[in-house]
Full PDB file with SEQRES, HELIX, SHEET, SSBOND, CRYST1, ORIGX, SCALE, CONECT and MASTER records, all heavy atoms in Angstrom:
SEQRES   1 A   31  LEU ASP ARG VAL ASP GLN ARG LEU ASP ARG ILE GLU ASN          
SEQRES   2 A   31  ARG LEU GLU LEU ARG GLU LEU ALA GLU ALA GLN ALA ARG          
SEQRES   3 A   31  PHE GLU PRO HIS PRO                                          
HELIX    1 AA1 ASP A    2  PHE A   27  1                                  26    
CRYST1    1.000    1.000    1.000  90.00  90.00  90.00 P 1           1          
ORIGX1      1.000000  0.000000  0.000000        0.00000                         
ORIGX2      0.000000  1.000000  0.000000        0.00000                         
ORIGX3      0.000000  0.000000  1.000000        0.00000                         
SCALE1      1.000000  0.000000  0.000000        0.00000                         
SCALE2      0.000000  1.000000  0.000000        0.00000                         
SCALE3      0.000000  0.000000  1.000000        0.00000                         
ATOM      1  N   LEU A   1       0.833  -1.205   0.000  1.00  0.00           N  
ATOM      2  CA  LEU A   1       0.000   0.000   0.000  1.00  0.00           C  
ATOM      3  C   LEU A   1       0.863   1.249   0.000  1.00  0.00           C  
ATOM      4  O   LEU A   1       0.553   2.234  -0.689  1.00  0.00           O  
ATOM      5  CB  LEU A   1      -0.930  -0.009   1.216  1.00  0.00           C  
ATOM      6  CG  LEU A   1      -1.944   1.115   1.323  1.00  0.00           C  
ATOM      7  CD1 LEU A   1      -2.874   1.114   0.117  1.00  0.00           C  
ATOM      8  CD2 LEU A   1      -2.744   0.965   2.603  1.00  0.00           C  
ATOM      9  N   ASP A   2       1.978   1.210   0.728  1.00  0.00           N  
ATOM     10  CA  ASP A   2       2.895   2.350   0.745  1.00  0.00           C  
ATOM     11  C   ASP A   2       3.501   2.578  -0.641  1.00  0.00           C  
ATOM     12  O   ASP A   2       3.602   3.721  -1.099  1.00  0.00           O  
ATOM     13  CB  ASP A   2       3.997   2.117   1.778  1.00  0.00           C  
ATOM     14  CG  ASP A   2       4.881   3.332   1.966  1.00  0.00           C  
ATOM     15  OD1 ASP A   2       4.324   4.454   2.076  1.00  0.00           O  
ATOM     16  OD2 ASP A   2       6.110   3.162   2.023  1.00  0.00           O  
ATOM     17  N   ARG A   3       3.882   1.490  -1.323  1.00  0.00           N  
ATOM     18  CA  ARG A   3       4.430   1.640  -2.682  1.00  0.00           C  
ATOM     19  C   ARG A   3       3.384   2.190  -3.633  1.00  0.00           C  
ATOM     20  O   ARG A   3       3.685   3.051  -4.476  1.00  0.00           O  
ATOM     21  CB  ARG A   3       4.964   0.303  -3.181  1.00  0.00           C  
ATOM     22  CG  ARG A   3       6.246  -0.127  -2.511  1.00  0.00           C  
ATOM     23  CD  ARG A   3       6.920  -1.284  -3.229  1.00  0.00           C  
ATOM     24  NE  ARG A   3       6.086  -2.444  -3.422  1.00  0.00           N  
ATOM     25  CZ  ARG A   3       6.017  -3.492  -2.591  1.00  0.00           C  
ATOM     26  NH1 ARG A   3       6.745  -3.493  -1.494  1.00  0.00           N  
ATOM     27  NH2 ARG A   3       5.244  -4.524  -2.868  1.00  0.00           N  
ATOM     28  N   VAL A   4       2.159   1.723  -3.522  1.00  0.00           N  
ATOM     29  CA  VAL A   4       1.081   2.233  -4.382  1.00  0.00           C  
ATOM     30  C   VAL A   4       0.848   3.705  -4.088  1.00  0.00           C  
ATOM     31  O   VAL A   4       0.646   4.510  -5.012  1.00  0.00           O  
ATOM     32  CB  VAL A   4      -0.212   1.403  -4.176  1.00  0.00           C  
ATOM     33  CG1 VAL A   4      -1.409   2.081  -4.820  1.00  0.00           C  
ATOM     34  CG2 VAL A   4      -0.041   0.004  -4.731  1.00  0.00           C  
ATOM     35  N   ASP A   5       0.889   4.087  -2.831  1.00  0.00           N  
ATOM     36  CA  ASP A   5       0.703   5.484  -2.446  1.00  0.00           C  
ATOM     37  C   ASP A   5       1.814   6.362  -3.026  1.00  0.00           C  
ATOM     38  O   ASP A   5       1.552   7.467  -3.525  1.00  0.00           O  
ATOM     39  CB  ASP A   5       0.669   5.594  -0.922  1.00  0.00           C  
ATOM     40  CG  ASP A   5       0.162   6.931  -0.436  1.00  0.00           C  
ATOM     41  OD1 ASP A   5      -0.768   7.483  -1.075  1.00  0.00           O  
ATOM     42  OD2 ASP A   5       0.672   7.412   0.591  1.00  0.00           O  
ATOM     43  N   GLN A   6       3.044   5.873  -2.996  1.00  0.00           N  
ATOM     44  CA  GLN A   6       4.157   6.629  -3.577  1.00  0.00           C  
ATOM     45  C   GLN A   6       3.985   6.785  -5.085  1.00  0.00           C  
ATOM     46  O   GLN A   6       4.208   7.866  -5.636  1.00  0.00           O  
ATOM     47  CB  GLN A   6       5.486   5.936  -3.273  1.00  0.00           C  
ATOM     48  CG  GLN A   6       5.890   6.010  -1.821  1.00  0.00           C  
ATOM     49  CD  GLN A   6       7.124   5.168  -1.515  1.00  0.00           C  
ATOM     50  OE1 GLN A   6       7.655   4.474  -2.387  1.00  0.00           O  
ATOM     51  NE2 GLN A   6       7.573   5.215  -0.270  1.00  0.00           N  
ATOM     52  N   ARG A   7       3.580   5.709  -5.753  1.00  0.00           N  
ATOM     53  CA  ARG A   7       3.356   5.785  -7.199  1.00  0.00           C  
ATOM     54  C   ARG A   7       2.231   6.765  -7.515  1.00  0.00           C  
ATOM     55  O   ARG A   7       2.329   7.545  -8.471  1.00  0.00           O  
ATOM     56  CB  ARG A   7       3.022   4.409  -7.756  1.00  0.00           C  
ATOM     57  CG  ARG A   7       4.204   3.456  -7.738  1.00  0.00           C  
ATOM     58  CD  ARG A   7       3.845   2.110  -8.281  1.00  0.00           C  
ATOM     59  NE  ARG A   7       3.554   2.219  -9.704  1.00  0.00           N  
ATOM     60  CZ  ARG A   7       3.004   1.250 -10.415  1.00  0.00           C  
ATOM     61  NH1 ARG A   7       2.669   0.113  -9.840  1.00  0.00           N  
ATOM     62  NH2 ARG A   7       2.791   1.415 -11.701  1.00  0.00           N  
ATOM     63  N   LEU A   8       1.174   6.739  -6.720  1.00  0.00           N  
ATOM     64  CA  LEU A   8       0.060   7.654  -6.936  1.00  0.00           C  
ATOM     65  C   LEU A   8       0.504   9.096  -6.750  1.00  0.00           C  
ATOM     66  O   LEU A   8       0.109   9.972  -7.532  1.00  0.00           O  
ATOM     67  CB  LEU A   8      -1.086   7.321  -5.978  1.00  0.00           C  
ATOM     68  CG  LEU A   8      -2.356   8.149  -6.123  1.00  0.00           C  
ATOM     69  CD1 LEU A   8      -2.940   7.998  -7.524  1.00  0.00           C  
ATOM     70  CD2 LEU A   8      -3.368   7.730  -5.076  1.00  0.00           C  
ATOM     71  N   ASP A   9       1.349   9.356  -5.763  1.00  0.00           N  
ATOM     72  CA  ASP A   9       1.880  10.711  -5.565  1.00  0.00           C  
ATOM     73  C   ASP A   9       2.679  11.157  -6.786  1.00  0.00           C  
ATOM     74  O   ASP A   9       2.543  12.309  -7.243  1.00  0.00           O  
ATOM     75  CB  ASP A   9       2.763  10.777  -4.316  1.00  0.00           C  
ATOM     76  CG  ASP A   9       1.967  10.745  -3.029  1.00  0.00           C  
ATOM     77  OD1 ASP A   9       0.741  11.005  -3.070  1.00  0.00           O  
ATOM     78  OD2 ASP A   9       2.579  10.453  -1.970  1.00  0.00           O  
ATOM     79  N   ARG A  10       3.524  10.261  -7.328  1.00  0.00           N  
ATOM     80  CA  ARG A  10       4.301  10.628  -8.523  1.00  0.00           C  
ATOM     81  C   ARG A  10       3.384  10.901  -9.710  1.00  0.00           C  
ATOM     82  O   ARG A  10       3.600  11.840 -10.473  1.00  0.00           O  
ATOM     83  CB  ARG A  10       5.297   9.518  -8.857  1.00  0.00           C  
ATOM     84  CG  ARG A  10       6.492   9.464  -7.920  1.00  0.00           C  
ATOM     85  CD  ARG A  10       7.632   8.622  -8.482  1.00  0.00           C  
ATOM     86  NE  ARG A  10       7.252   7.280  -8.854  1.00  0.00           N  
ATOM     87  CZ  ARG A  10       7.329   6.210  -8.064  1.00  0.00           C  
ATOM     88  NH1 ARG A  10       7.754   6.344  -6.833  1.00  0.00           N  
ATOM     89  NH2 ARG A  10       6.973   5.023  -8.499  1.00  0.00           N  
ATOM     90  N   ILE A  11       2.359  10.083  -9.866  1.00  0.00           N  
ATOM     91  CA  ILE A  11       1.417  10.281 -10.979  1.00  0.00           C  
ATOM     92  C   ILE A  11       0.694  11.611 -10.820  1.00  0.00           C  
ATOM     93  O   ILE A  11       0.549  12.383 -11.790  1.00  0.00           O  
ATOM     94  CB  ILE A  11       0.417   9.110 -11.045  1.00  0.00           C  
ATOM     95  CG1 ILE A  11       1.128   7.841 -11.502  1.00  0.00           C  
ATOM     96  CG2 ILE A  11      -0.752   9.435 -11.968  1.00  0.00           C  
ATOM     97  CD1 ILE A  11       0.299   6.574 -11.336  1.00  0.00           C  
ATOM     98  N   GLU A  12       0.250  11.915  -9.609  1.00  0.00           N  
ATOM     99  CA  GLU A  12      -0.436  13.187  -9.378  1.00  0.00           C  
ATOM    100  C   GLU A  12       0.493  14.360  -9.663  1.00  0.00           C  
ATOM    101  O   GLU A  12       0.076  15.359 -10.255  1.00  0.00           O  
ATOM    102  CB  GLU A  12      -0.958  13.253  -7.941  1.00  0.00           C  
ATOM    103  CG  GLU A  12      -2.155  12.377  -7.693  1.00  0.00           C  
ATOM    104  CD  GLU A  12      -2.571  12.350  -6.228  1.00  0.00           C  
ATOM    105  OE1 GLU A  12      -1.765  12.732  -5.343  1.00  0.00           O  
ATOM    106  OE2 GLU A  12      -3.708  11.921  -5.976  1.00  0.00           O  
ATOM    107  N   ASN A  13       1.769  14.247  -9.256  1.00  0.00           N  
ATOM    108  CA  ASN A  13       2.730  15.328  -9.534  1.00  0.00           C  
ATOM    109  C   ASN A  13       2.916  15.510 -11.033  1.00  0.00           C  
ATOM    110  O   ASN A  13       2.957  16.643 -11.527  1.00  0.00           O  
ATOM    111  CB  ASN A  13       4.072  15.045  -8.865  1.00  0.00           C  
ATOM    112  CG  ASN A  13       4.015  15.260  -7.376  1.00  0.00           C  
ATOM    113  OD1 ASN A  13       3.169  15.985  -6.875  1.00  0.00           O  
ATOM    114  ND2 ASN A  13       4.903  14.599  -6.657  1.00  0.00           N  
ATOM    115  N   ARG A  14       3.024  14.409 -11.771  1.00  0.00           N  
ATOM    116  CA  ARG A  14       3.164  14.510 -13.228  1.00  0.00           C  
ATOM    117  C   ARG A  14       1.948  15.172 -13.851  1.00  0.00           C  
ATOM    118  O   ARG A  14       2.071  16.014 -14.746  1.00  0.00           O  
ATOM    119  CB  ARG A  14       3.359  13.134 -13.851  1.00  0.00           C  
ATOM    120  CG  ARG A  14       4.729  12.569 -13.684  1.00  0.00           C  
ATOM    121  CD  ARG A  14       4.808  11.253 -14.393  1.00  0.00           C  
ATOM    122  NE  ARG A  14       6.118  10.671 -14.303  1.00  0.00           N  
ATOM    123  CZ  ARG A  14       6.428   9.490 -14.769  1.00  0.00           C  
ATOM    124  NH1 ARG A  14       5.497   8.757 -15.365  1.00  0.00           N  
ATOM    125  NH2 ARG A  14       7.636   9.014 -14.663  1.00  0.00           N  
ATOM    126  N   LEU A  15       0.768  14.786 -13.418  1.00  0.00           N  
ATOM    127  CA  LEU A  15      -0.448  15.373 -13.971  1.00  0.00           C  
ATOM    128  C   LEU A  15      -0.528  16.867 -13.679  1.00  0.00           C  
ATOM    129  O   LEU A  15      -0.922  17.655 -14.542  1.00  0.00           O  
ATOM    130  CB  LEU A  15      -1.689  14.663 -13.416  1.00  0.00           C  
ATOM    131  CG  LEU A  15      -1.930  13.250 -13.926  1.00  0.00           C  
ATOM    132  CD1 LEU A  15      -3.123  12.630 -13.211  1.00  0.00           C  
ATOM    133  CD2 LEU A  15      -2.156  13.250 -15.428  1.00  0.00           C  
ATOM    134  N   GLU A  16      -0.136  17.253 -12.474  1.00  0.00           N  
ATOM    135  CA  GLU A  16      -0.154  18.679 -12.145  1.00  0.00           C  
ATOM    136  C   GLU A  16       0.842  19.449 -12.996  1.00  0.00           C  
ATOM    137  O   GLU A  16       0.546  20.544 -13.471  1.00  0.00           O  
ATOM    138  CB  GLU A  16       0.141  18.876 -10.656  1.00  0.00           C  
ATOM    139  CG  GLU A  16      -1.008  18.464  -9.754  1.00  0.00           C  
ATOM    140  CD  GLU A  16      -0.640  18.510  -8.281  1.00  0.00           C  
ATOM    141  OE1 GLU A  16       0.459  18.988  -7.939  1.00  0.00           O  
ATOM    142  OE2 GLU A  16      -1.464  18.045  -7.473  1.00  0.00           O  
ATOM    143  N   LEU A  17       2.037  18.870 -13.218  1.00  0.00           N  
ATOM    144  CA  LEU A  17       3.026  19.534 -14.066  1.00  0.00           C  
ATOM    145  C   LEU A  17       2.516  19.647 -15.494  1.00  0.00           C  
ATOM    146  O   LEU A  17       2.672  20.679 -16.147  1.00  0.00           O  
ATOM    147  CB  LEU A  17       4.354  18.778 -14.032  1.00  0.00           C  
ATOM    148  CG  LEU A  17       5.129  18.835 -12.719  1.00  0.00           C  
ATOM    149  CD1 LEU A  17       6.353  17.928 -12.793  1.00  0.00           C  
ATOM    150  CD2 LEU A  17       5.538  20.257 -12.389  1.00  0.00           C  
ATOM    151  N   ARG A  18       1.896  18.587 -16.000  1.00  0.00           N  
ATOM    152  CA  ARG A  18       1.367  18.596 -17.360  1.00  0.00           C  
ATOM    153  C   ARG A  18       0.237  19.618 -17.482  1.00  0.00           C  
ATOM    154  O   ARG A  18       0.176  20.383 -18.440  1.00  0.00           O  
ATOM    155  CB  ARG A  18       0.867  17.213 -17.754  1.00  0.00           C  
ATOM    156  CG  ARG A  18       0.379  17.176 -19.203  1.00  0.00           C  
ATOM    157  CD  ARG A  18      -0.034  15.799 -19.635  1.00  0.00           C  
ATOM    158  NE  ARG A  18       1.126  14.914 -19.613  1.00  0.00           N  
ATOM    159  CZ  ARG A  18       1.058  13.607 -19.473  1.00  0.00           C  
ATOM    160  NH1 ARG A  18      -0.110  13.019 -19.345  1.00  0.00           N  
ATOM    161  NH2 ARG A  18       2.140  12.866 -19.471  1.00  0.00           N  
ATOM    162  N   GLU A  19      -0.657  19.642 -16.498  1.00  0.00           N  
ATOM    163  CA  GLU A  19      -1.753  20.613 -16.531  1.00  0.00           C  
ATOM    164  C   GLU A  19      -1.212  22.032 -16.469  1.00  0.00           C  
ATOM    165  O   GLU A  19      -1.710  22.923 -17.166  1.00  0.00           O  
ATOM    166  CB  GLU A  19      -2.724  20.354 -15.379  1.00  0.00           C  
ATOM    167  CG  GLU A  19      -3.545  19.098 -15.556  1.00  0.00           C  
ATOM    168  CD  GLU A  19      -4.342  18.763 -14.306  1.00  0.00           C  
ATOM    169  OE1 GLU A  19      -4.216  19.478 -13.285  1.00  0.00           O  
ATOM    170  OE2 GLU A  19      -5.086  17.768 -14.345  1.00  0.00           O  
ATOM    171  N   LEU A  20      -0.177  22.252 -15.672  1.00  0.00           N  
ATOM    172  CA  LEU A  20       0.430  23.576 -15.584  1.00  0.00           C  
ATOM    173  C   LEU A  20       1.060  23.958 -16.913  1.00  0.00           C  
ATOM    174  O   LEU A  20       0.888  25.089 -17.399  1.00  0.00           O  
ATOM    175  CB  LEU A  20       1.480  23.604 -14.463  1.00  0.00           C  
ATOM    176  CG  LEU A  20       2.231  24.917 -14.258  1.00  0.00           C  
ATOM    177  CD1 LEU A  20       1.278  26.033 -13.885  1.00  0.00           C  
ATOM    178  CD2 LEU A  20       3.299  24.756 -13.203  1.00  0.00           C  
ATOM    179  N   ALA A  21       1.779  23.037 -17.550  1.00  0.00           N  
ATOM    180  CA  ALA A  21       2.414  23.317 -18.845  1.00  0.00           C  
ATOM    181  C   ALA A  21       1.353  23.586 -19.906  1.00  0.00           C  
ATOM    182  O   ALA A  21       1.513  24.499 -20.738  1.00  0.00           O  
ATOM    183  CB  ALA A  21       3.299  22.151 -19.262  1.00  0.00           C  
ATOM    184  N   GLU A  22       0.273  22.834 -19.902  1.00  0.00           N  
ATOM    185  CA  GLU A  22      -0.798  23.060 -20.876  1.00  0.00           C  
ATOM    186  C   GLU A  22      -1.461  24.409 -20.652  1.00  0.00           C  
ATOM    187  O   GLU A  22      -1.762  25.133 -21.608  1.00  0.00           O  
ATOM    188  CB  GLU A  22      -1.839  21.939 -20.790  1.00  0.00           C  
ATOM    189  CG  GLU A  22      -1.342  20.606 -21.317  1.00  0.00           C  
ATOM    190  CD  GLU A  22      -2.323  19.469 -21.035  1.00  0.00           C  
ATOM    191  OE1 GLU A  22      -3.365  19.704 -20.373  1.00  0.00           O  
ATOM    192  OE2 GLU A  22      -2.031  18.336 -21.479  1.00  0.00           O  
ATOM    193  N   ALA A  23      -1.662  24.785 -19.401  1.00  0.00           N  
ATOM    194  CA  ALA A  23      -2.269  26.084 -19.100  1.00  0.00           C  
ATOM    195  C   ALA A  23      -1.343  27.211 -19.523  1.00  0.00           C  
ATOM    196  O   ALA A  23      -1.795  28.218 -20.086  1.00  0.00           O  
ATOM    197  CB  ALA A  23      -2.593  26.183 -17.612  1.00  0.00           C  
ATOM    198  N   GLN A  24      -0.049  27.059 -19.308  1.00  0.00           N  
ATOM    199  CA  GLN A  24       0.897  28.102 -19.709  1.00  0.00           C  
ATOM    200  C   GLN A  24       0.967  28.197 -21.231  1.00  0.00           C  
ATOM    201  O   GLN A  24       1.086  29.294 -21.780  1.00  0.00           O  
ATOM    202  CB  GLN A  24       2.285  27.812 -19.135  1.00  0.00           C  
ATOM    203  CG  GLN A  24       2.387  28.058 -17.651  1.00  0.00           C  
ATOM    204  CD  GLN A  24       3.743  27.662 -17.089  1.00  0.00           C  
ATOM    205  OE1 GLN A  24       4.522  26.975 -17.740  1.00  0.00           O  
ATOM    206  NE2 GLN A  24       4.003  28.092 -15.854  1.00  0.00           N  
ATOM    207  N   ALA A  25       0.876  27.066 -21.899  1.00  0.00           N  
ATOM    208  CA  ALA A  25       0.935  27.076 -23.361  1.00  0.00           C  
ATOM    209  C   ALA A  25      -0.274  27.799 -23.935  1.00  0.00           C  
ATOM    210  O   ALA A  25      -0.185  28.453 -24.983  1.00  0.00           O  
ATOM    211  CB  ALA A  25       1.013  25.650 -23.896  1.00  0.00           C  
ATOM    212  N   ARG A  26      -1.407  27.702 -23.312  1.00  0.00           N  
ATOM    213  CA  ARG A  26      -2.604  28.381 -23.808  1.00  0.00           C  
ATOM    214  C   ARG A  26      -2.476  29.894 -23.702  1.00  0.00           C  
ATOM    215  O   ARG A  26      -3.040  30.621 -24.522  1.00  0.00           O  
ATOM    216  CB  ARG A  26      -3.826  27.909 -23.001  1.00  0.00           C  
ATOM    217  CG  ARG A  26      -4.401  26.633 -23.552  1.00  0.00           C  
ATOM    218  CD  ARG A  26      -5.717  26.308 -22.882  1.00  0.00           C  
ATOM    219  NE  ARG A  26      -5.516  25.061 -22.144  1.00  0.00           N  
ATOM    220  CZ  ARG A  26      -5.913  24.802 -20.925  1.00  0.00           C  
ATOM    221  NH1 ARG A  26      -6.590  25.691 -20.257  1.00  0.00           N  
ATOM    222  NH2 ARG A  26      -5.656  23.657 -20.360  1.00  0.00           N  
ATOM    223  N   PHE A  27      -1.770  30.386 -22.691  1.00  0.00           N  
ATOM    224  CA  PHE A  27      -1.697  31.806 -22.464  1.00  0.00           C  
ATOM    225  C   PHE A  27      -0.458  32.456 -23.060  1.00  0.00           C  
ATOM    226  O   PHE A  27      -0.334  33.678 -23.013  1.00  0.00           O  
ATOM    227  CB  PHE A  27      -1.789  32.109 -20.971  1.00  0.00           C  
ATOM    228  CG  PHE A  27      -3.136  31.761 -20.388  1.00  0.00           C  
ATOM    229  CD1 PHE A  27      -3.274  30.734 -19.481  1.00  0.00           C  
ATOM    230  CD2 PHE A  27      -4.261  32.469 -20.779  1.00  0.00           C  
ATOM    231  CE1 PHE A  27      -4.509  30.410 -18.954  1.00  0.00           C  
ATOM    232  CE2 PHE A  27      -5.513  32.167 -20.258  1.00  0.00           C  
ATOM    233  CZ  PHE A  27      -5.633  31.139 -19.329  1.00  0.00           C  
ATOM    234  N   GLU A  28       0.451  31.682 -23.587  1.00  0.00           N  
ATOM    235  CA  GLU A  28       1.660  32.260 -24.190  1.00  0.00           C  
ATOM    236  C   GLU A  28       1.313  32.811 -25.575  1.00  0.00           C  
ATOM    237  O   GLU A  28       0.579  32.187 -26.345  1.00  0.00           O  
ATOM    238  CB  GLU A  28       2.754  31.196 -24.334  1.00  0.00           C  
ATOM    239  CG  GLU A  28       3.416  30.828 -23.022  1.00  0.00           C  
ATOM    240  CD  GLU A  28       4.526  29.815 -23.216  1.00  0.00           C  
ATOM    241  OE1 GLU A  28       4.806  29.406 -24.361  1.00  0.00           O  
ATOM    242  OE2 GLU A  28       5.111  29.414 -22.204  1.00  0.00           O  
ATOM    243  N   PRO A  29       1.840  33.985 -25.891  1.00  0.00           N  
ATOM    244  CA  PRO A  29       1.611  34.508 -27.242  1.00  0.00           C  
ATOM    245  C   PRO A  29       2.424  33.739 -28.277  1.00  0.00           C  
ATOM    246  O   PRO A  29       3.566  33.365 -28.011  1.00  0.00           O  
ATOM    247  CB  PRO A  29       2.076  35.956 -27.149  1.00  0.00           C  
ATOM    248  CG  PRO A  29       2.969  36.005 -25.960  1.00  0.00           C  
ATOM    249  CD  PRO A  29       2.571  34.883 -25.062  1.00  0.00           C  
ATOM    250  N   HIS A  30       1.810  33.454 -29.408  1.00  0.00           N  
ATOM    251  CA  HIS A  30       2.506  32.735 -30.482  1.00  0.00           C  
ATOM    252  C   HIS A  30       3.116  33.753 -31.431  1.00  0.00           C  
ATOM    253  O   HIS A  30       2.472  34.695 -31.841  1.00  0.00           O  
ATOM    254  CB  HIS A  30       1.539  31.829 -31.234  1.00  0.00           C  
ATOM    255  CG  HIS A  30       1.026  30.712 -30.373  1.00  0.00           C  
ATOM    256  ND1 HIS A  30       1.824  29.675 -29.967  1.00  0.00           N  
ATOM    257  CD2 HIS A  30      -0.203  30.481 -29.823  1.00  0.00           C  
ATOM    258  CE1 HIS A  30       1.093  28.838 -29.221  1.00  0.00           C  
ATOM    259  NE2 HIS A  30      -0.132  29.331 -29.126  1.00  0.00           N  
ATOM    260  N   PRO A  31       4.373  33.588 -31.850  1.00  0.00           N  
ATOM    261  CA  PRO A  31       5.012  34.570 -32.776  1.00  0.00           C  
ATOM    262  C   PRO A  31       4.490  34.487 -34.176  1.00  0.00           C  
ATOM    263  O   PRO A  31       3.897  33.690 -34.713  1.00  0.00           O  
ATOM    264  CB  PRO A  31       6.490  34.204 -32.727  1.00  0.00           C  
ATOM    265  CG  PRO A  31       6.611  32.890 -32.054  1.00  0.00           C  
ATOM    266  CD  PRO A  31       5.316  32.600 -31.384  1.00  0.00           C  
TER     267      PRO A  31                                                      
MASTER        0    0    0    1    0    0    0    6  266    1    0    3          
END                                                                             
Protein backbone atom coordinates (compact mmCIF):
# COMPACT_ATOMS: atom_id res chain seq x y z
CA LEU A 1 0.00 0.00 0.00
CA ASP A 2 2.89 2.35 0.75
CA ARG A 3 4.43 1.64 -2.68
CA VAL A 4 1.08 2.23 -4.38
CA ASP A 5 0.70 5.48 -2.45
CA GLN A 6 4.16 6.63 -3.58
CA ARG A 7 3.36 5.78 -7.20
CA LEU A 8 0.06 7.65 -6.94
CA ASP A 9 1.88 10.71 -5.57
CA ARG A 10 4.30 10.63 -8.52
CA ILE A 11 1.42 10.28 -10.98
CA GLU A 12 -0.44 13.19 -9.38
CA ASN A 13 2.73 15.33 -9.53
CA ARG A 14 3.16 14.51 -13.23
CA LEU A 15 -0.45 15.37 -13.97
CA GLU A 16 -0.15 18.68 -12.14
CA LEU A 17 3.03 19.53 -14.07
CA ARG A 18 1.37 18.60 -17.36
CA GLU A 19 -1.75 20.61 -16.53
CA LEU A 20 0.43 23.58 -15.58
CA ALA A 21 2.41 23.32 -18.84
CA GLU A 22 -0.80 23.06 -20.88
CA ALA A 23 -2.27 26.08 -19.10
CA GLN A 24 0.90 28.10 -19.71
CA ALA A 25 0.94 27.08 -23.36
CA ARG A 26 -2.60 28.38 -23.81
CA PHE A 27 -1.70 31.81 -22.46
CA GLU A 28 1.66 32.26 -24.19
CA PRO A 29 1.61 34.51 -27.24
CA HIS A 30 2.51 32.73 -30.48
CA PRO A 31 5.01 34.57 -32.78
